[in-house]
Amino acid sequence: MNELTRIGFKPLDALHVVCAVLLQCKYFLTVDKGILKKTMRYSEIIITNPVGYIIDLED
C-alpha cells in the first residue's frame, strides 16, 4: 500500500487496489480519473475503466 501512496494514490484508493491484488484479480475497474491517470505506474494489476475492460475482452 505504501508503494501506491508514494506514487500518488489516495490511501483508500490504494487500499482498494491492494485488496484486488491480494484477491488475485486480473482487473481493477474504475471510472475515477485520479486512479486511471496513475495506471501506467503500477503493474501488479490491470487498472482500467469498464469500456477498456470490454475492449480487452474482445481482443
N, C-alpha and C. Protein backbone atom coordinates (compact mmCIF):
# COMPACT_ATOMS: atom_id res chain seq x y z
N MET A 1 0.83 -1.19 0.00
CA MET A 1 0.00 0.00 0.00
C MET A 1 0.87 1.25 0.00
N ASN A 2 1.98 1.20 0.69
CA ASN A 2 2.88 2.35 0.74
C ASN A 2 3.39 2.72 -0.64
N GLU A 3 3.66 1.70 -1.46
CA GLU A 3 4.13 1.96 -2.82
C GLU A 3 3.09 2.76 -3.59
N LEU A 4 1.84 2.41 -3.43
CA LEU A 4 0.77 3.11 -4.15
C LEU A 4 0.60 4.54 -3.65
N THR A 5 0.67 4.75 -2.36
CA THR A 5 0.54 6.11 -1.86
C THR A 5 1.74 6.96 -2.27
N ARG A 6 2.91 6.35 -2.37
CA ARG A 6 4.09 7.09 -2.84
C ARG A 6 3.94 7.57 -4.28
N ILE A 7 3.24 6.80 -5.11
CA ILE A 7 3.08 7.24 -6.49
C ILE A 7 1.82 8.08 -6.70
N GLY A 8 1.16 8.41 -5.60
CA GLY A 8 0.09 9.39 -5.68
C GLY A 8 -1.33 8.91 -5.45
N PHE A 9 -1.51 7.63 -5.15
CA PHE A 9 -2.85 7.14 -4.86
C PHE A 9 -3.30 7.66 -3.49
N LYS A 10 -4.56 8.01 -3.37
CA LYS A 10 -5.12 8.36 -2.06
C LYS A 10 -5.14 7.08 -1.22
N PRO A 11 -5.03 7.20 0.10
CA PRO A 11 -4.96 6.00 0.95
C PRO A 11 -6.11 4.99 0.74
N LEU A 12 -7.35 5.45 0.66
CA LEU A 12 -8.46 4.50 0.47
C LEU A 12 -8.45 3.89 -0.92
N ASP A 13 -8.04 4.66 -1.92
CA ASP A 13 -7.91 4.10 -3.27
C ASP A 13 -6.83 3.02 -3.28
N ALA A 14 -5.71 3.31 -2.62
CA ALA A 14 -4.62 2.33 -2.54
C ALA A 14 -5.10 1.06 -1.85
N LEU A 15 -5.88 1.20 -0.80
CA LEU A 15 -6.41 0.03 -0.09
C LEU A 15 -7.28 -0.82 -1.01
N HIS A 16 -8.13 -0.18 -1.79
CA HIS A 16 -8.99 -0.93 -2.72
C HIS A 16 -8.16 -1.68 -3.75
N VAL A 17 -7.15 -1.04 -4.30
CA VAL A 17 -6.31 -1.70 -5.30
C VAL A 17 -5.54 -2.86 -4.68
N VAL A 18 -4.98 -2.65 -3.49
CA VAL A 18 -4.24 -3.72 -2.81
C VAL A 18 -5.15 -4.91 -2.52
N CYS A 19 -6.37 -4.65 -2.10
CA CYS A 19 -7.32 -5.75 -1.85
C CYS A 19 -7.55 -6.56 -3.13
N ALA A 20 -7.71 -5.87 -4.25
CA ALA A 20 -7.91 -6.57 -5.52
C ALA A 20 -6.68 -7.40 -5.88
N VAL A 21 -5.50 -6.87 -5.64
CA VAL A 21 -4.26 -7.61 -5.92
C VAL A 21 -4.17 -8.84 -5.03
N LEU A 22 -4.45 -8.69 -3.74
CA LEU A 22 -4.39 -9.82 -2.82
C LEU A 22 -5.41 -10.90 -3.16
N LEU A 23 -6.52 -10.50 -3.73
CA LEU A 23 -7.54 -11.46 -4.16
C LEU A 23 -7.23 -12.05 -5.53
N GLN A 24 -6.08 -11.66 -6.08
CA GLN A 24 -5.58 -12.15 -7.36
C GLN A 24 -6.52 -11.81 -8.53
N CYS A 25 -7.12 -10.63 -8.45
CA CYS A 25 -7.94 -10.15 -9.55
C CYS A 25 -7.03 -9.76 -10.71
N LYS A 26 -7.49 -9.98 -11.91
CA LYS A 26 -6.72 -9.57 -13.07
C LYS A 26 -6.97 -8.09 -13.40
N TYR A 27 -8.19 -7.63 -13.16
CA TYR A 27 -8.58 -6.26 -13.49
C TYR A 27 -9.10 -5.53 -12.26
N PHE A 28 -8.87 -4.23 -12.25
CA PHE A 28 -9.48 -3.32 -11.29
C PHE A 28 -10.21 -2.28 -12.11
N LEU A 29 -11.55 -2.31 -12.08
CA LEU A 29 -12.34 -1.39 -12.89
C LEU A 29 -12.73 -0.17 -12.08
N THR A 30 -12.58 1.00 -12.70
CA THR A 30 -12.93 2.25 -12.05
C THR A 30 -13.23 3.31 -13.09
N VAL A 31 -13.98 4.31 -12.69
CA VAL A 31 -14.18 5.49 -13.53
C VAL A 31 -13.54 6.71 -12.88
N ASP A 32 -12.80 6.48 -11.80
CA ASP A 32 -12.10 7.54 -11.08
C ASP A 32 -10.90 8.02 -11.91
N LYS A 33 -10.97 9.24 -12.40
CA LYS A 33 -9.91 9.77 -13.26
C LYS A 33 -8.58 9.86 -12.53
N GLY A 34 -8.60 10.12 -11.23
CA GLY A 34 -7.37 10.19 -10.45
C GLY A 34 -6.63 8.86 -10.42
N ILE A 35 -7.37 7.78 -10.29
CA ILE A 35 -6.76 6.45 -10.30
C ILE A 35 -6.30 6.09 -11.71
N LEU A 36 -7.14 6.35 -12.69
CA LEU A 36 -6.81 5.98 -14.06
C LEU A 36 -5.55 6.69 -14.57
N LYS A 37 -5.30 7.90 -14.10
CA LYS A 37 -4.10 8.65 -14.52
C LYS A 37 -2.82 7.98 -14.02
N LYS A 38 -2.92 7.20 -12.96
CA LYS A 38 -1.74 6.58 -12.35
C LYS A 38 -1.53 5.13 -12.78
N THR A 39 -2.33 4.64 -13.70
CA THR A 39 -2.28 3.22 -14.05
C THR A 39 -0.96 2.81 -14.67
N MET A 40 -0.28 3.68 -15.34
CA MET A 40 0.98 3.32 -16.00
C MET A 40 2.10 3.10 -14.98
N ARG A 41 1.88 3.54 -13.75
CA ARG A 41 2.94 3.44 -12.75
C ARG A 41 2.78 2.25 -11.81
N TYR A 42 1.78 1.41 -12.03
CA TYR A 42 1.57 0.26 -11.16
C TYR A 42 1.22 -0.95 -12.02
N SER A 43 2.04 -1.96 -11.98
CA SER A 43 1.89 -3.08 -12.91
C SER A 43 1.39 -4.37 -12.27
N GLU A 44 1.00 -4.35 -11.02
CA GLU A 44 0.54 -5.56 -10.34
C GLU A 44 -0.83 -6.03 -10.81
N ILE A 45 -1.61 -5.12 -11.39
CA ILE A 45 -2.98 -5.41 -11.80
C ILE A 45 -3.32 -4.48 -12.96
N ILE A 46 -4.22 -4.91 -13.81
CA ILE A 46 -4.65 -4.04 -14.91
C ILE A 46 -5.74 -3.12 -14.37
N ILE A 47 -5.44 -1.83 -14.33
CA ILE A 47 -6.40 -0.84 -13.87
C ILE A 47 -6.96 -0.16 -15.11
N THR A 48 -8.27 -0.25 -15.28
CA THR A 48 -8.90 0.30 -16.48
C THR A 48 -10.33 0.71 -16.17
N ASN A 49 -10.94 1.36 -17.13
CA ASN A 49 -12.36 1.70 -16.98
C ASN A 49 -13.20 0.59 -17.60
N PRO A 50 -14.50 0.58 -17.34
CA PRO A 50 -15.34 -0.50 -17.87
C PRO A 50 -15.27 -0.65 -19.40
N VAL A 51 -15.17 0.45 -20.12
CA VAL A 51 -15.08 0.38 -21.58
C VAL A 51 -13.77 -0.28 -21.99
N GLY A 52 -12.67 0.09 -21.35
CA GLY A 52 -11.38 -0.53 -21.63
C GLY A 52 -11.40 -2.02 -21.35
N TYR A 53 -12.11 -2.41 -20.32
CA TYR A 53 -12.25 -3.83 -19.98
C TYR A 53 -12.96 -4.58 -21.09
N ILE A 54 -14.06 -4.03 -21.58
CA ILE A 54 -14.81 -4.68 -22.66
C ILE A 54 -13.95 -4.80 -23.92
N ILE A 55 -13.20 -3.75 -24.22
CA ILE A 55 -12.31 -3.78 -25.38
C ILE A 55 -11.26 -4.87 -25.21
N ASP A 56 -10.69 -5.01 -24.02
CA ASP A 56 -9.72 -6.08 -23.74
C ASP A 56 -10.34 -7.46 -23.94
N LEU A 57 -11.57 -7.63 -23.51
CA LEU A 57 -12.24 -8.92 -23.66
C LEU A 57 -12.46 -9.28 -25.12
N GLU A 58 -12.68 -8.28 -25.95
CA GLU A 58 -12.93 -8.53 -27.37
C GLU A 58 -11.67 -8.88 -28.14
N ASP A 59 -10.51 -8.53 -27.61
CA ASP A 59 -9.23 -8.80 -28.30
C ASP A 59 -8.85 -10.25 -28.25
